[in-house]
Amino acid sequence: MDTHIQVRNLNAFYDSAQALKNINIEIPHKQITVIMGPSGCGKTTLLKCLNRFLELTDGARITGLVLVDDQDIYTRDVDVTEVRKVVGLLAQRPSPLPMSIYENVAYGLRIHQMKKNKQEYKQAVRHYLELSGLWDEVKDRLHEPAAGLSIGQQQRLCLARGLAVQPEIILGDEPTSALDPISAQHIEKRLLDLKKEYTIVLVTHILRQAKRLADYVVFMYLGEVVECGLAHEVFEHPRQERTRAYLEGQF
């Protein structure tokens, strides 16, 4: 397996409460890895450890290693902004910036000074809106407020905004849970297309979605990794009794 992210002996705490317990996993390159398990088992905490978002929470701390391209992202000399550029996050609910559709996508490009002139910005905005499957729906109203989009369109806009800063990895924290079925299907299709170029890590508690999307699976329960492996192997021949019970809907 071509590994993109390695997590070694990772523990996470909220004050004195331990949320993650000695996590050791490897996440493959340019595949969709799904972190699944019941609510409260540590899925989102693990996801936030992968781009240092957890440290934005008061009282949160970790021990252990998170390696992206063999670089420990928690060493003192690492630029946190660069980490979050390389490892983008698509949140549970869309959060478009209070500006136009166009400027939402151009925002990160401007901050990182990634384009030279107006024409290059226009081309880039179109490219990332096409990549997120939104261009045809918004091309005639690019300068209207992003808040006027439907919630499903807003989530695809947030995906375009994240892609614009050229990440290597896309994290998704239940990115379809707030969407209607048609909008959720749009996002799932985009993710399946994007795995050709990006490593994708998704948190979900929807077993059907995990089966549709996953190439690789991490099953968590009560802050621990119970089982991980190729999706078809875990779904068809789980090794652990707790995994089998979860897949059968017992909890």
Foldseek 3Di string as FASTA:
>chain_A
DAFFKWWAQKWKDQQPRTQAGGDTDTAHALAEEEEEEDPSQCPVVVLCVQLVNQVVDPRMDMDTFMAGVHRGCPDPPHDSVVSCLQEDEQEQFFDFDFFFLLCSQCVLCVVVVVDDDDVVSVVLSLVLCVLLVRCVVCVVPRRDTPVPDDRLSSSSSVSSNSCSSPHQEYEYENNCPVDDPVSSVSRLVSSQVCSNRHRYYYYDHDVVSCLVGGQKYFYGGNNYGPDIGGPVCCQVPNPDPVSVCVSVPVD
